[in-house]
Amino acid sequence: MHRERFTTSLPLSLGEGNTPLLRSRRIGPAMGLANLFFKLESLKPTGSYKDRFA
């Protein structure tokens, strides 16, 4: 309906994707997980304060 009005602004992106990952140096090896990574969500444009494991 109003899509034509905003086509010059599309696609809209906040820089999602390619979240930086940090390998766990202590927790992973202590638990026997050689490939435990943490996603650094706080470095993304939305500024989330919640980092996650991956």
PDB file of N, CA and C in Angstrom:
ATOM      1  N   MET A   1       0.823  -1.183   0.000  1.00  0.00           N
ATOM      2  CA  MET A   1       0.000   0.000   0.000  1.00  0.00           C
ATOM      3  C   MET A   1       0.872   1.254   0.000  1.00  0.00           C
ATOM      4  N   HIS A   2       1.675   1.438   1.034  1.00  0.00           N
ATOM      5  CA  HIS A   2       2.555   2.604   1.092  1.00  0.00           C
ATOM      6  C   HIS A   2       3.990   2.244   0.748  1.00  0.00           C
ATOM      7  N   ARG A   3       4.190   1.023   0.272  1.00  0.00           N
ATOM      8  CA  ARG A   3       5.548   0.556  -0.006  1.00  0.00           C
ATOM      9  C   ARG A   3       6.251   1.433  -1.033  1.00  0.00           C
ATOM     10  N   GLU A   4       5.539   1.874  -2.040  1.00  0.00           N
ATOM     11  CA  GLU A   4       6.136   2.705  -3.082  1.00  0.00           C
ATOM     12  C   GLU A   4       6.733   3.986  -2.502  1.00  0.00           C
ATOM     13  N   ARG A   5       6.151   4.467  -1.452  1.00  0.00           N
ATOM     14  CA  ARG A   5       6.608   5.707  -0.826  1.00  0.00           C
ATOM     15  C   ARG A   5       8.003   5.563  -0.217  1.00  0.00           C
ATOM     16  N   PHE A   6       8.340   4.352   0.225  1.00  0.00           N
ATOM     17  CA  PHE A   6       9.595   4.133   0.936  1.00  0.00           C
ATOM     18  C   PHE A   6      10.625   3.324   0.148  1.00  0.00           C
ATOM     19  N   THR A   7      10.389   3.044  -1.110  1.00  0.00           N
ATOM     20  CA  THR A   7      11.305   2.196  -1.872  1.00  0.00           C
ATOM     21  C   THR A   7      12.701   2.790  -1.979  1.00  0.00           C
ATOM     22  N   THR A   8      12.844   4.096  -1.932  1.00  0.00           N
ATOM     23  CA  THR A   8      14.184   4.693  -1.996  1.00  0.00           C
ATOM     24  C   THR A   8      14.971   4.438  -0.717  1.00  0.00           C
ATOM     25  N   SER A   9      14.284   4.137   0.372  1.00  0.00           N
ATOM     26  CA  SER A   9      14.946   3.880   1.655  1.00  0.00           C
ATOM     27  C   SER A   9      15.231   2.401   1.885  1.00  0.00           C
ATOM     28  N   LEU A  10      14.734   1.529   1.013  1.00  0.00           N
ATOM     29  CA  LEU A  10      14.905   0.089   1.196  1.00  0.00           C
ATOM     30  C   LEU A  10      16.149  -0.406   0.492  1.00  0.00           C
ATOM     31  N   PRO A  11      16.820  -1.424   0.912  1.00  0.00           N
ATOM     32  CA  PRO A  11      16.530  -2.148   2.147  1.00  0.00           C
ATOM     33  C   PRO A  11      17.066  -1.394   3.356  1.00  0.00           C
ATOM     34  N   LEU A  12      16.378  -1.509   4.443  1.00  0.00           N
ATOM     35  CA  LEU A  12      16.762  -0.876   5.698  1.00  0.00           C
ATOM     36  C   LEU A  12      17.526  -1.883   6.537  1.00  0.00           C
ATOM     37  N   SER A  13      18.672  -1.481   7.052  1.00  0.00           N
ATOM     38  CA  SER A  13      19.491  -2.392   7.846  1.00  0.00           C
ATOM     39  C   SER A  13      20.072  -1.664   9.045  1.00  0.00           C
ATOM     40  N   LEU A  14      20.134  -2.356  10.154  1.00  0.00           N
ATOM     41  CA  LEU A  14      20.766  -1.826  11.357  1.00  0.00           C
ATOM     42  C   LEU A  14      22.130  -2.456  11.578  1.00  0.00           C
ATOM     43  N   GLY A  15      22.660  -3.093  10.546  1.00  0.00           N
ATOM     44  CA  GLY A  15      23.955  -3.742  10.677  1.00  0.00           C
ATOM     45  C   GLY A  15      23.872  -5.118  11.302  1.00  0.00           C
ATOM     46  N   GLU A  16      22.699  -5.743  11.202  1.00  0.00           N
ATOM     47  CA  GLU A  16      22.539  -7.071  11.792  1.00  0.00           C
ATOM     48  C   GLU A  16      23.377  -8.093  11.038  1.00  0.00           C
ATOM     49  N   GLY A  17      23.669  -9.167  11.722  1.00  0.00           N
ATOM     50  CA  GLY A  17      24.516 -10.203  11.144  1.00  0.00           C
ATOM     51  C   GLY A  17      25.978  -9.957  11.475  1.00  0.00           C
ATOM     52  N   ASN A  18      26.799 -10.961  11.272  1.00  0.00           N
ATOM     53  CA  ASN A  18      28.240 -10.872  11.528  1.00  0.00           C
ATOM     54  C   ASN A  18      28.566 -10.422  12.948  1.00  0.00           C
ATOM     55  N   THR A  19      27.817 -10.916  13.919  1.00  0.00           N
ATOM     56  CA  THR A  19      28.077 -10.583  15.317  1.00  0.00           C
ATOM     57  C   THR A  19      29.462 -11.095  15.708  1.00  0.00           C
ATOM     58  N   PRO A  20      30.291 -10.247  16.316  1.00  0.00           N
ATOM     59  CA  PRO A  20      31.626 -10.694  16.720  1.00  0.00           C
ATOM     60  C   PRO A  20      31.556 -11.840  17.731  1.00  0.00           C
ATOM     61  N   LEU A  21      32.454 -12.807  17.563  1.00  0.00           N
ATOM     62  CA  LEU A  21      32.535 -13.950  18.474  1.00  0.00           C
ATOM     63  C   LEU A  21      33.866 -13.931  19.207  1.00  0.00           C
ATOM     64  N   LEU A  22      33.838 -14.341  20.454  1.00  0.00           N
ATOM     65  CA  LEU A  22      35.037 -14.415  21.275  1.00  0.00           C
ATOM     66  C   LEU A  22      35.145 -15.832  21.826  1.00  0.00           C
ATOM     67  N   ARG A  23      36.268 -16.483  21.569  1.00  0.00           N
ATOM     68  CA  ARG A  23      36.462 -17.852  22.062  1.00  0.00           C
ATOM     69  C   ARG A  23      36.660 -17.825  23.577  1.00  0.00           C
ATOM     70  N   SER A  24      35.978 -18.735  24.247  1.00  0.00           N
ATOM     71  CA  SER A  24      36.116 -18.866  25.694  1.00  0.00           C
ATOM     72  C   SER A  24      37.469 -19.486  26.016  1.00  0.00           C
ATOM     73  N   ARG A  25      38.243 -18.806  26.845  1.00  0.00           N
ATOM     74  CA  ARG A  25      39.559 -19.334  27.217  1.00  0.00           C
ATOM     75  C   ARG A  25      39.540 -20.090  28.535  1.00  0.00           C
ATOM     76  N   ARG A  26      38.529 -19.846  29.377  1.00  0.00           N
ATOM     77  CA  ARG A  26      38.479 -20.513  30.678  1.00  0.00           C
ATOM     78  C   ARG A  26      37.272 -21.429  30.836  1.00  0.00           C
ATOM     79  N   ILE A  27      36.089 -20.901  30.604  1.00  0.00           N
ATOM     80  CA  ILE A  27      34.867 -21.676  30.855  1.00  0.00           C
ATOM     81  C   ILE A  27      34.780 -22.893  29.942  1.00  0.00           C
ATOM     82  N   GLY A  28      35.019 -22.692  28.643  1.00  0.00           N
ATOM     83  CA  GLY A  28      34.952 -23.804  27.691  1.00  0.00           C
ATOM     84  C   GLY A  28      35.894 -24.934  28.043  1.00  0.00           C
ATOM     85  N   PRO A  29      37.199 -24.657  28.171  1.00  0.00           N
ATOM     86  CA  PRO A  29      38.133 -25.733  28.524  1.00  0.00           C
ATOM     87  C   PRO A  29      37.816 -26.380  29.876  1.00  0.00           C
ATOM     88  N   ALA A  30      37.362 -25.603  30.841  1.00  0.00           N
ATOM     89  CA  ALA A  30      37.031 -26.161  32.154  1.00  0.00           C
ATOM     90  C   ALA A  30      35.865 -27.141  32.071  1.00  0.00           C
ATOM     91  N   MET A  31      34.995 -26.947  31.075  1.00  0.00           N
ATOM     92  CA  MET A  31      33.839 -27.827  30.893  1.00  0.00           C
ATOM     93  C   MET A  31      34.075 -28.870  29.808  1.00  0.00           C
ATOM     94  N   GLY A  32      35.292 -28.906  29.272  1.00  0.00           N
ATOM     95  CA  GLY A  32      35.598 -29.865  28.220  1.00  0.00           C
ATOM     96  C   GLY A  32      35.065 -29.457  26.856  1.00  0.00           C
ATOM     97  N   LEU A  33      34.811 -28.163  26.671  1.00  0.00           N
ATOM     98  CA  LEU A  33      34.283 -27.644  25.405  1.00  0.00           C
ATOM     99  C   LEU A  33      35.356 -26.804  24.727  1.00  0.00           C
ATOM    100  N   ALA A  34      36.045 -27.396  23.779  1.00  0.00           N
ATOM    101  CA  ALA A  34      37.149 -26.702  23.113  1.00  0.00           C
ATOM    102  C   ALA A  34      36.672 -25.582  22.200  1.00  0.00           C
ATOM    103  N   ASN A  35      35.433 -25.661  21.734  1.00  0.00           N
ATOM    104  CA  ASN A  35      34.934 -24.672  20.781  1.00  0.00           C
ATOM    105  C   ASN A  35      33.739 -23.899  21.317  1.00  0.00           C
ATOM    106  N   LEU A  36      33.847 -23.366  22.524  1.00  0.00           N
ATOM    107  CA  LEU A  36      32.784 -22.537  23.085  1.00  0.00           C
ATOM    108  C   LEU A  36      33.095 -21.084  22.765  1.00  0.00           C
ATOM    109  N   PHE A  37      32.118 -20.402  22.167  1.00  0.00           N
ATOM    110  CA  PHE A  37      32.285 -18.998  21.805  1.00  0.00           C
ATOM    111  C   PHE A  37      31.190 -18.175  22.458  1.00  0.00           C
ATOM    112  N   PHE A  38      31.471 -16.902  22.666  1.00  0.00           N
ATOM    113  CA  PHE A  38      30.482 -15.956  23.161  1.00  0.00           C
ATOM    114  C   PHE A  38      30.226 -14.912  22.091  1.00  0.00           C
ATOM    115  N   LYS A  39      28.938 -14.603  21.878  1.00  0.00           N
ATOM    116  CA  LYS A  39      28.562 -13.578  20.911  1.00  0.00           C
ATOM    117  C   LYS A  39      28.570 -12.232  21.634  1.00  0.00           C
ATOM    118  N   LEU A  40      29.306 -11.287  21.104  1.00  0.00           N
ATOM    119  CA  LEU A  40      29.423  -9.972  21.734  1.00  0.00           C
ATOM    120  C   LEU A  40      28.336  -9.044  21.204  1.00  0.00           C
ATOM    121  N   GLU A  41      27.126  -9.248  21.700  1.00  0.00           N
ATOM    122  CA  GLU A  41      25.974  -8.474  21.246  1.00  0.00           C
ATOM    123  C   GLU A  41      26.112  -6.988  21.559  1.00  0.00           C
ATOM    124  N   SER A  42      26.872  -6.642  22.578  1.00  0.00           N
ATOM    125  CA  SER A  42      27.008  -5.237  22.968  1.00  0.00           C
ATOM    126  C   SER A  42      27.741  -4.411  21.923  1.00  0.00           C
ATOM    127  N   LEU A  43      28.414  -5.049  20.960  1.00  0.00           N
ATOM    128  CA  LEU A  43      29.122  -4.320  19.911  1.00  0.00           C
ATOM    129  C   LEU A  43      28.248  -4.063  18.693  1.00  0.00           C
ATOM    130  N   LYS A  44      27.001  -4.495  18.724  1.00  0.00           N
ATOM    131  CA  LYS A  44      26.093  -4.308  17.604  1.00  0.00           C
ATOM    132  C   LYS A  44      25.404  -2.950  17.701  1.00  0.00           C
ATOM    133  N   PRO A  45      24.841  -2.453  16.594  1.00  0.00           N
ATOM    134  CA  PRO A  45      24.218  -1.122  16.584  1.00  0.00           C
ATOM    135  C   PRO A  45      23.064  -0.952  17.557  1.00  0.00           C
ATOM    136  N   THR A  46      22.377  -2.033  17.908  1.00  0.00           N
ATOM    137  CA  THR A  46      21.259  -1.897  18.838  1.00  0.00           C
ATOM    138  C   THR A  46      21.728  -1.715  20.272  1.00  0.00           C
ATOM    139  N   GLY A  47      23.006  -1.993  20.546  1.00  0.00           N
ATOM    140  CA  GLY A  47      23.570  -1.752  21.870  1.00  0.00           C
ATOM    141  C   GLY A  47      23.066  -2.678  22.949  1.00  0.00           C
ATOM    142  N   SER A  48      22.689  -3.894  22.595  1.00  0.00           N
ATOM    143  CA  SER A  48      22.200  -4.835  23.594  1.00  0.00           C
ATOM    144  C   SER A  48      23.277  -5.089  24.644  1.00  0.00           C
ATOM    145  N   TYR A  49      22.882  -5.224  25.876  1.00  0.00           N
ATOM    146  CA  TYR A  49      23.824  -5.489  26.965  1.00  0.00           C
ATOM    147  C   TYR A  49      23.898  -6.977  27.278  1.00  0.00           C
ATOM    148  N   LYS A  50      23.157  -7.799  26.530  1.00  0.00           N
ATOM    149  CA  LYS A  50      23.082  -9.234  26.807  1.00  0.00           C
ATOM    150  C   LYS A  50      23.949  -9.998  25.819  1.00  0.00           C
ATOM    151  N   ASP A  51      25.106 -10.472  26.247  1.00  0.00           N
ATOM    152  CA  ASP A  51      25.938 -11.328  25.410  1.00  0.00           C
ATOM    153  C   ASP A  51      25.454 -12.762  25.569  1.00  0.00           C
ATOM    154  N   ARG A  52      25.650 -13.566  24.523  1.00  0.00           N
ATOM    155  CA  ARG A  52      25.147 -14.940  24.531  1.00  0.00           C
ATOM    156  C   ARG A  52      26.263 -15.909  24.191  1.00  0.00           C
ATOM    157  N   PHE A  53      26.089 -17.158  24.584  1.00  0.00           N
ATOM    158  CA  PHE A  53      27.037 -18.197  24.189  1.00  0.00           C
ATOM    159  C   PHE A  53      26.581 -18.781  22.857  1.00  0.00           C
ATOM    160  N   ALA A  54      27.526 -19.315  22.108  1.00  0.00           N
ATOM    161  CA  ALA A  54      27.187 -19.921  20.808  1.00  0.00           C
ATOM    162  C   ALA A  54      27.974 -21.204  20.637  1.00  0.00           C
TER     163      ALA A  54
END
